[in-house]
Amino acid sequence: MYISIGPLITIKKEDIVGIFDLDTAAATKATKDFLVSCEKKGGTVSALSPGELPKSFILTRSGKVYFSQYAARILRIRAKKLKNLF
């Protein structure tokens, strides 16, 4: 199953390692350093509509980081609903 994380971008639920709130997670130096490192390596993807600010980020098994305009809470609810479909 796939989760929509932004306009025209979906991720396989099985590939998601974690969904993080950008405001709280990026408050730590370790997370900031990790995100900067991913960006330097070209491992980040923006799933934002024009003019939107990121509210969360999704870490995948491949190591890619996706920035989403949706709140982490909303993305977690979507993932949980997929689990309950079957």
PDB file of N, CA and C in Angstrom:
ATOM      1  N   MET A   1       0.829  -1.174   0.000  1.00  0.00           N
ATOM      2  CA  MET A   1       0.000   0.000   0.000  1.00  0.00           C
ATOM      3  C   MET A   1       0.882   1.250   0.000  1.00  0.00           C
ATOM      4  N   TYR A   2       0.320   2.308  -0.532  1.00  0.00           N
ATOM      5  CA  TYR A   2       1.045   3.562  -0.660  1.00  0.00           C
ATOM      6  C   TYR A   2       0.402   4.659   0.181  1.00  0.00           C
ATOM      7  N   ILE A   3       1.226   5.574   0.651  1.00  0.00           N
ATOM      8  CA  ILE A   3       0.758   6.722   1.420  1.00  0.00           C
ATOM      9  C   ILE A   3       1.110   7.982   0.636  1.00  0.00           C
ATOM     10  N   SER A   4       0.132   8.844   0.453  1.00  0.00           N
ATOM     11  CA  SER A   4       0.369  10.130  -0.199  1.00  0.00           C
ATOM     12  C   SER A   4       1.008  11.065   0.812  1.00  0.00           C
ATOM     13  N   ILE A   5       2.179  11.604   0.469  1.00  0.00           N
ATOM     14  CA  ILE A   5       2.871  12.508   1.386  1.00  0.00           C
ATOM     15  C   ILE A   5       2.920  13.939   0.850  1.00  0.00           C
ATOM     16  N   GLY A   6       2.382  14.135  -0.335  1.00  0.00           N
ATOM     17  CA  GLY A   6       2.358  15.458  -0.955  1.00  0.00           C
ATOM     18  C   GLY A   6       1.773  15.343  -2.336  1.00  0.00           C
ATOM     19  N   PRO A   7       1.609  16.463  -3.008  1.00  0.00           N
ATOM     20  CA  PRO A   7       1.055  16.439  -4.355  1.00  0.00           C
ATOM     21  C   PRO A   7       1.866  15.530  -5.285  1.00  0.00           C
ATOM     22  N   LEU A   8       1.217  14.534  -5.802  1.00  0.00           N
ATOM     23  CA  LEU A   8       1.792  13.606  -6.783  1.00  0.00           C
ATOM     24  C   LEU A   8       2.931  12.738  -6.255  1.00  0.00           C
ATOM     25  N   ILE A   9       3.132  12.677  -4.941  1.00  0.00           N
ATOM     26  CA  ILE A   9       4.201  11.835  -4.397  1.00  0.00           C
ATOM     27  C   ILE A   9       3.610  10.851  -3.397  1.00  0.00           C
ATOM     28  N   THR A  10       3.876   9.581  -3.652  1.00  0.00           N
ATOM     29  CA  THR A  10       3.452   8.523  -2.743  1.00  0.00           C
ATOM     30  C   THR A  10       4.660   7.658  -2.396  1.00  0.00           C
ATOM     31  N   ILE A  11       4.593   7.035  -1.233  1.00  0.00           N
ATOM     32  CA  ILE A  11       5.666   6.156  -0.767  1.00  0.00           C
ATOM     33  C   ILE A  11       5.023   4.847  -0.319  1.00  0.00           C
ATOM     34  N   LYS A  12       5.711   3.745  -0.611  1.00  0.00           N
ATOM     35  CA  LYS A  12       5.241   2.460  -0.105  1.00  0.00           C
ATOM     36  C   LYS A  12       5.332   2.477   1.418  1.00  0.00           C
ATOM     37  N   LYS A  13       4.263   2.045   2.054  1.00  0.00           N
ATOM     38  CA  LYS A  13       4.236   2.031   3.515  1.00  0.00           C
ATOM     39  C   LYS A  13       5.374   1.189   4.077  1.00  0.00           C
ATOM     40  N   GLU A  14       5.681   0.071   3.409  1.00  0.00           N
ATOM     41  CA  GLU A  14       6.731  -0.831   3.887  1.00  0.00           C
ATOM     42  C   GLU A  14       8.113  -0.189   3.855  1.00  0.00           C
ATOM     43  N   ASP A  15       8.294   0.852   3.031  1.00  0.00           N
ATOM     44  CA  ASP A  15       9.592   1.506   2.906  1.00  0.00           C
ATOM     45  C   ASP A  15       9.838   2.587   3.963  1.00  0.00           C
ATOM     46  N   ILE A  16       8.810   2.925   4.713  1.00  0.00           N
ATOM     47  CA  ILE A  16       8.927   4.001   5.692  1.00  0.00           C
ATOM     48  C   ILE A  16       9.567   3.477   6.980  1.00  0.00           C
ATOM     49  N   VAL A  17      10.644   4.146   7.373  1.00  0.00           N
ATOM     50  CA  VAL A  17      11.314   3.833   8.634  1.00  0.00           C
ATOM     51  C   VAL A  17      10.703   4.672   9.752  1.00  0.00           C
ATOM     52  N   GLY A  18      10.437   5.949   9.451  1.00  0.00           N
ATOM     53  CA  GLY A  18       9.857   6.827  10.466  1.00  0.00           C
ATOM     54  C   GLY A  18       9.264   8.080   9.867  1.00  0.00           C
ATOM     55  N   ILE A  19       8.275   8.620  10.580  1.00  0.00           N
ATOM     56  CA  ILE A  19       7.641   9.883  10.216  1.00  0.00           C
ATOM     57  C   ILE A  19       7.886  10.819  11.389  1.00  0.00           C
ATOM     58  N   PHE A  20       8.473  11.985  11.115  1.00  0.00           N
ATOM     59  CA  PHE A  20       8.922  12.870  12.180  1.00  0.00           C
ATOM     60  C   PHE A  20       8.366  14.279  12.011  1.00  0.00           C
ATOM     61  N   ASP A  21       7.991  14.886  13.116  1.00  0.00           N
ATOM     62  CA  ASP A  21       7.576  16.281  13.131  1.00  0.00           C
ATOM     63  C   ASP A  21       8.829  17.131  12.979  1.00  0.00           C
ATOM     64  N   LEU A  22       8.838  17.999  12.016  1.00  0.00           N
ATOM     65  CA  LEU A  22      10.040  18.775  11.717  1.00  0.00           C
ATOM     66  C   LEU A  22      10.390  19.745  12.845  1.00  0.00           C
ATOM     67  N   ASP A  23       9.393  20.342  13.469  1.00  0.00           N
ATOM     68  CA  ASP A  23       9.671  21.314  14.528  1.00  0.00           C
ATOM     69  C   ASP A  23      10.345  20.678  15.740  1.00  0.00           C
ATOM     70  N   THR A  24       9.849  19.540  16.177  1.00  0.00           N
ATOM     71  CA  THR A  24      10.411  18.925  17.382  1.00  0.00           C
ATOM     72  C   THR A  24      11.677  18.122  17.091  1.00  0.00           C
ATOM     73  N   ALA A  25      11.679  17.374  15.995  1.00  0.00           N
ATOM     74  CA  ALA A  25      12.847  16.536  15.689  1.00  0.00           C
ATOM     75  C   ALA A  25      14.056  17.376  15.300  1.00  0.00           C
ATOM     76  N   ALA A  26      13.831  18.446  14.556  1.00  0.00           N
ATOM     77  CA  ALA A  26      14.947  19.268  14.085  1.00  0.00           C
ATOM     78  C   ALA A  26      15.494  20.183  15.174  1.00  0.00           C
ATOM     79  N   ALA A  27      14.928  20.103  16.363  1.00  0.00           N
ATOM     80  CA  ALA A  27      15.430  20.908  17.471  1.00  0.00           C
ATOM     81  C   ALA A  27      16.749  20.362  18.013  1.00  0.00           C
ATOM     82  N   THR A  28      17.049  19.092  17.717  1.00  0.00           N
ATOM     83  CA  THR A  28      18.296  18.514  18.209  1.00  0.00           C
ATOM     84  C   THR A  28      19.406  18.684  17.175  1.00  0.00           C
ATOM     85  N   LYS A  29      20.612  18.846  17.663  1.00  0.00           N
ATOM     86  CA  LYS A  29      21.766  19.021  16.772  1.00  0.00           C
ATOM     87  C   LYS A  29      21.990  17.789  15.903  1.00  0.00           C
ATOM     88  N   ALA A  30      21.809  16.618  16.476  1.00  0.00           N
ATOM     89  CA  ALA A  30      22.036  15.370  15.725  1.00  0.00           C
ATOM     90  C   ALA A  30      21.092  15.277  14.521  1.00  0.00           C
ATOM     91  N   THR A  31      19.835  15.635  14.722  1.00  0.00           N
ATOM     92  CA  THR A  31      18.877  15.578  13.608  1.00  0.00           C
ATOM     93  C   THR A  31      19.210  16.619  12.560  1.00  0.00           C
ATOM     94  N   LYS A  32      19.544  17.824  13.000  1.00  0.00           N
ATOM     95  CA  LYS A  32      19.929  18.873  12.047  1.00  0.00           C
ATOM     96  C   LYS A  32      21.120  18.427  11.216  1.00  0.00           C
ATOM     97  N   ASP A  33      22.130  17.863  11.876  1.00  0.00           N
ATOM     98  CA  ASP A  33      23.321  17.387  11.163  1.00  0.00           C
ATOM     99  C   ASP A  33      22.955  16.285  10.171  1.00  0.00           C
ATOM    100  N   PHE A  34      22.077  15.376  10.578  1.00  0.00           N
ATOM    101  CA  PHE A  34      21.641  14.295   9.701  1.00  0.00           C
ATOM    102  C   PHE A  34      20.938  14.852   8.465  1.00  0.00           C
ATOM    103  N   LEU A  35      20.028  15.788   8.647  1.00  0.00           N
ATOM    104  CA  LEU A  35      19.290  16.358   7.518  1.00  0.00           C
ATOM    105  C   LEU A  35      20.213  17.135   6.576  1.00  0.00           C
ATOM    106  N   VAL A  36      21.155  17.869   7.142  1.00  0.00           N
ATOM    107  CA  VAL A  36      22.122  18.599   6.315  1.00  0.00           C
ATOM    108  C   VAL A  36      22.980  17.621   5.518  1.00  0.00           C
ATOM    109  N   SER A  37      23.408  16.539   6.148  1.00  0.00           N
ATOM    110  CA  SER A  37      24.210  15.518   5.474  1.00  0.00           C
ATOM    111  C   SER A  37      23.427  14.884   4.318  1.00  0.00           C
ATOM    112  N   CYS A  38      22.168  14.557   4.566  1.00  0.00           N
ATOM    113  CA  CYS A  38      21.332  13.970   3.505  1.00  0.00           C
ATOM    114  C   CYS A  38      21.171  14.935   2.344  1.00  0.00           C
ATOM    115  N   GLU A  39      20.981  16.204   2.665  1.00  0.00           N
ATOM    116  CA  GLU A  39      20.800  17.205   1.612  1.00  0.00           C
ATOM    117  C   GLU A  39      22.068  17.359   0.775  1.00  0.00           C
ATOM    118  N   LYS A  40      23.234  17.347   1.413  1.00  0.00           N
ATOM    119  CA  LYS A  40      24.499  17.466   0.688  1.00  0.00           C
ATOM    120  C   LYS A  40      24.726  16.286  -0.248  1.00  0.00           C
ATOM    121  N   LYS A  41      24.261  15.098   0.167  1.00  0.00           N
ATOM    122  CA  LYS A  41      24.419  13.889  -0.642  1.00  0.00           C
ATOM    123  C   LYS A  41      23.342  13.760  -1.715  1.00  0.00           C
ATOM    124  N   GLY A  42      22.395  14.675  -1.736  1.00  0.00           N
ATOM    125  CA  GLY A  42      21.302  14.590  -2.706  1.00  0.00           C
ATOM    126  C   GLY A  42      20.244  13.586  -2.302  1.00  0.00           C
ATOM    127  N   GLY A  43      20.146  13.312  -1.014  1.00  0.00           N
ATOM    128  CA  GLY A  43      19.218  12.297  -0.527  1.00  0.00           C
ATOM    129  C   GLY A  43      17.920  12.850   0.016  1.00  0.00           C
ATOM    130  N   THR A  44      17.574  14.093  -0.372  1.00  0.00           N
ATOM    131  CA  THR A  44      16.313  14.657   0.093  1.00  0.00           C
ATOM    132  C   THR A  44      15.398  14.923  -1.090  1.00  0.00           C
ATOM    133  N   VAL A  45      14.100  14.798  -0.826  1.00  0.00           N
ATOM    134  CA  VAL A  45      13.079  15.030  -1.852  1.00  0.00           C
ATOM    135  C   VAL A  45      12.013  15.927  -1.247  1.00  0.00           C
ATOM    136  N   SER A  46      11.626  16.950  -1.987  1.00  0.00           N
ATOM    137  CA  SER A  46      10.573  17.838  -1.531  1.00  0.00           C
ATOM    138  C   SER A  46       9.234  17.365  -2.077  1.00  0.00           C
ATOM    139  N   ALA A  47       8.281  17.133  -1.182  1.00  0.00           N
ATOM    140  CA  ALA A  47       6.923  16.746  -1.575  1.00  0.00           C
ATOM    141  C   ALA A  47       5.976  17.900  -1.266  1.00  0.00           C
ATOM    142  N   LEU A  48       6.442  19.116  -1.502  1.00  0.00           N
ATOM    143  CA  LEU A  48       5.697  20.310  -1.129  1.00  0.00           C
ATOM    144  C   LEU A  48       5.026  20.958  -2.333  1.00  0.00           C
ATOM    145  N   SER A  49       3.853  21.532  -2.089  1.00  0.00           N
ATOM    146  CA  SER A  49       3.216  22.381  -3.087  1.00  0.00           C
ATOM    147  C   SER A  49       3.979  23.697  -3.101  1.00  0.00           C
ATOM    148  N   PRO A  50       3.947  24.414  -4.217  1.00  0.00           N
ATOM    149  CA  PRO A  50       4.619  25.720  -4.254  1.00  0.00           C
ATOM    150  C   PRO A  50       4.110  26.630  -3.142  1.00  0.00           C
ATOM    151  N   GLY A  51       5.038  27.258  -2.431  1.00  0.00           N
ATOM    152  CA  GLY A  51       4.691  28.186  -1.371  1.00  0.00           C
ATOM    153  C   GLY A  51       4.437  27.552  -0.016  1.00  0.00           C
ATOM    154  N   GLU A  52       4.424  26.230   0.061  1.00  0.00           N
ATOM    155  CA  GLU A  52       4.193  25.535   1.336  1.00  0.00           C
ATOM    156  C   GLU A  52       5.507  25.321   2.076  1.00  0.00           C
ATOM    157  N   LEU A  53       5.428  25.306   3.381  1.00  0.00           N
ATOM    158  CA  LEU A  53       6.591  25.011   4.217  1.00  0.00           C
ATOM    159  C   LEU A  53       6.497  23.573   4.710  1.00  0.00           C
ATOM    160  N   PRO A  54       7.639  22.907   4.890  1.00  0.00           N
ATOM    161  CA  PRO A  54       7.588  21.526   5.392  1.00  0.00           C
ATOM    162  C   PRO A  54       7.166  21.482   6.856  1.00  0.00           C
ATOM    163  N   LYS A  55       6.324  20.494   7.169  1.00  0.00           N
ATOM    164  CA  LYS A  55       5.884  20.288   8.549  1.00  0.00           C
ATOM    165  C   LYS A  55       6.433  18.983   9.113  1.00  0.00           C
ATOM    166  N   SER A  56       6.830  18.085   8.211  1.00  0.00           N
ATOM    167  CA  SER A  56       7.327  16.788   8.661  1.00  0.00           C
ATOM    168  C   SER A  56       8.347  16.268   7.667  1.00  0.00           C
ATOM    169  N   PHE A  57       9.054  15.224   8.093  1.00  0.00           N
ATOM    170  CA  PHE A  57       9.915  14.524   7.148  1.00  0.00           C
ATOM    171  C   PHE A  57       9.772  13.034   7.369  1.00  0.00           C
ATOM    172  N   ILE A  58       9.965  12.294   6.284  1.00  0.00           N
ATOM    173  CA  ILE A  58       9.802  10.850   6.285  1.00  0.00           C
ATOM    174  C   ILE A  58      11.137  10.238   5.897  1.00  0.00           C
ATOM    175  N   LEU A  59      11.629   9.339   6.722  1.00  0.00           N
ATOM    176  CA  LEU A  59      12.866   8.617   6.434  1.00  0.00           C
ATOM    177  C   LEU A  59      12.488   7.257   5.871  1.00  0.00           C
ATOM    178  N   THR A  60      13.113   6.878   4.745  1.00  0.00           N
ATOM    179  CA  THR A  60      12.814   5.598   4.111  1.00  0.00           C
ATOM    180  C   THR A  60      13.987   4.638   4.242  1.00  0.00           C
ATOM    181  N   ARG A  61      13.713   3.374   3.946  1.00  0.00           N
ATOM    182  CA  ARG A  61      14.752   2.334   4.035  1.00  0.00           C
ATOM    183  C   ARG A  61      15.955   2.639   3.158  1.00  0.00           C
ATOM    184  N   SER A  62      15.718   3.284   2.034  1.00  0.00           N
ATOM    185  CA  SER A  62      16.816   3.595   1.115  1.00  0.00           C
ATOM    186  C   SER A  62      17.700   4.722   1.641  1.00  0.00           C
ATOM    187  N   GLY A  63      17.262   5.376   2.720  1.00  0.00           N
ATOM    188  CA  GLY A  63      18.025   6.483   3.277  1.00  0.00           C
ATOM    189  C   GLY A  63      17.568   7.835   2.777  1.00  0.00           C
ATOM    190  N   LYS A  64      16.610   7.857   1.854  1.00  0.00           N
ATOM    191  CA  LYS A  64      16.081   9.125   1.360  1.00  0.00           C
ATOM    192  C   LYS A  64      15.197   9.761   2.423  1.00  0.00           C
ATOM    193  N   VAL A  65      15.229  11.085   2.440  1.00  0.00           N
ATOM    194  CA  VAL A  65      14.390  11.865   3.335  1.00  0.00           C
ATOM    195  C   VAL A  65      13.426  12.681   2.481  1.00  0.00           C
ATOM    196  N   TYR A  66      12.150  12.525   2.752  1.00  0.00           N
ATOM    197  CA  TYR A  66      11.113  13.267   2.042  1.00  0.00           C
ATOM    198  C   TYR A  66      10.541  14.326   2.977  1.00  0.00           C
ATOM    199  N   PHE A  67      10.490  15.575   2.515  1.00  0.00           N
ATOM    200  CA  PHE A  67       9.880  16.649   3.284  1.00  0.00           C
ATOM    201  C   PHE A  67       8.439  16.801   2.819  1.00  0.00           C
ATOM    202  N   SER A  68       7.511  16.838   3.786  1.00  0.00           N
ATOM    203  CA  SER A  68       6.094  16.895   3.470  1.00  0.00           C
ATOM    204  C   SER A  68       5.443  18.128   4.079  1.00  0.00           C
ATOM    205  N   GLN A  69       4.435  18.628   3.400  1.00  0.00           N
ATOM    206  CA  GLN A  69       3.666  19.762   3.914  1.00  0.00           C
ATOM    207  C   GLN A  69       2.618  19.306   4.917  1.00  0.00           C
ATOM    208  N   TYR A  70       2.411  17.996   5.020  1.00  0.00           N
ATOM    209  CA  TYR A  70       1.428  17.459   5.950  1.00  0.00           C
ATOM    210  C   TYR A  70       2.070  17.225   7.319  1.00  0.00           C
ATOM    211  N   ALA A  71       1.290  17.420   8.351  1.00  0.00           N
ATOM    212  CA  ALA A  71       1.773  17.188   9.712  1.00  0.00           C
ATOM    213  C   ALA A  71       2.064  15.700   9.915  1.00  0.00           C
ATOM    214  N   ALA A  72       3.042  15.408  10.742  1.00  0.00           N
ATOM    215  CA  ALA A  72       3.415  14.022  11.021  1.00  0.00           C
ATOM    216  C   ALA A  72       2.224  13.242  11.564  1.00  0.00           C
ATOM    217  N   ARG A  73       1.417  13.868  12.376  1.00  0.00           N
ATOM    218  CA  ARG A  73       0.236  13.219  12.950  1.00  0.00           C
ATOM    219  C   ARG A  73      -0.717  12.749  11.855  1.00  0.00           C
ATOM    220  N   ILE A  74      -0.920  13.563  10.842  1.00  0.00           N
ATOM    221  CA  ILE A  74      -1.806  13.205   9.723  1.00  0.00           C
ATOM    222  C   ILE A  74      -1.231  12.019   8.953  1.00  0.00           C
ATOM    223  N   LEU A  75       0.064  12.044   8.689  1.00  0.00           N
ATOM    224  CA  LEU A  75       0.692  10.944   7.952  1.00  0.00           C
ATOM    225  C   LEU A  75       0.636   9.644   8.743  1.00  0.00           C
ATOM    226  N   ARG A  76       0.806   9.721  10.064  1.00  0.00           N
ATOM    227  CA  ARG A  76       0.709   8.517  10.897  1.00  0.00           C
ATOM    228  C   ARG A  76      -0.709   7.945  10.879  1.00  0.00           C
ATOM    229  N   ILE A  77      -1.702   8.831  10.887  1.00  0.00           N
ATOM    230  CA  ILE A  77      -3.102   8.379  10.809  1.00  0.00           C
ATOM    231  C   ILE A  77      -3.347   7.668   9.480  1.00  0.00           C
ATOM    232  N   ARG A  78      -2.836   8.221   8.400  1.00  0.00           N
ATOM    233  CA  ARG A  78      -2.986   7.578   7.085  1.00  0.00           C
ATOM    234  C   ARG A  78      -2.345   6.192   7.077  1.00  0.00           C
ATOM    235  N   ALA A  79      -1.163   6.090   7.654  1.00  0.00           N
ATOM    236  CA  ALA A  79      -0.474   4.794   7.697  1.00  0.00           C
ATOM    237  C   ALA A  79      -1.258   3.788   8.537  1.00  0.00           C
ATOM    238  N   LYS A  80      -1.802   4.228   9.639  1.00  0.00           N
ATOM    239  CA  LYS A  80      -2.565   3.340  10.512  1.00  0.00           C
ATOM    240  C   LYS A  80      -3.842   2.865   9.819  1.00  0.00           C
ATOM    241  N   LYS A  81      -4.508   3.735   9.070  1.00  0.00           N
ATOM    242  CA  LYS A  81      -5.727   3.355   8.358  1.00  0.00           C
ATOM    243  C   LYS A  81      -5.432   2.270   7.323  1.00  0.00           C
ATOM    244  N   LEU A  82      -4.268   2.344   6.683  1.00  0.00           N
ATOM    245  CA  LEU A  82      -3.910   1.314   5.711  1.00  0.00           C
ATOM    246  C   LEU A  82      -3.783  -0.040   6.384  1.00  0.00           C
ATOM    247  N   LYS A  83      -3.234  -0.032   7.584  1.00  0.00           N
ATOM    248  CA  LYS A  83      -3.070  -1.286   8.326  1.00  0.00           C
ATOM    249  C   LYS A  83      -4.426  -1.913   8.644  1.00  0.00           C
ATOM    250  N   ASN A  84      -5.413  -1.073   8.925  1.00  0.00           N
ATOM    251  CA  ASN A  84      -6.725  -1.567   9.318  1.00  0.00           C
ATOM    252  C   ASN A  84      -7.605  -1.970   8.143  1.00  0.00           C
ATOM    253  N   LEU A  85      -7.150  -1.760   6.918  1.00  0.00           N
ATOM    254  CA  LEU A  85      -7.948  -2.130   5.754  1.00  0.00           C
ATOM    255  C   LEU A  85      -8.020  -3.626   5.546  1.00  0.00           C
ATOM    256  N   PHE A  86      -7.010  -4.354   6.024  1.00  0.00           N
ATOM    257  CA  PHE A  86      -6.961  -5.794   5.746  1.00  0.00           C
ATOM    258  C   PHE A  86      -7.049  -6.607   6.989  1.00  0.00           C
TER     259      PHE A  86
END
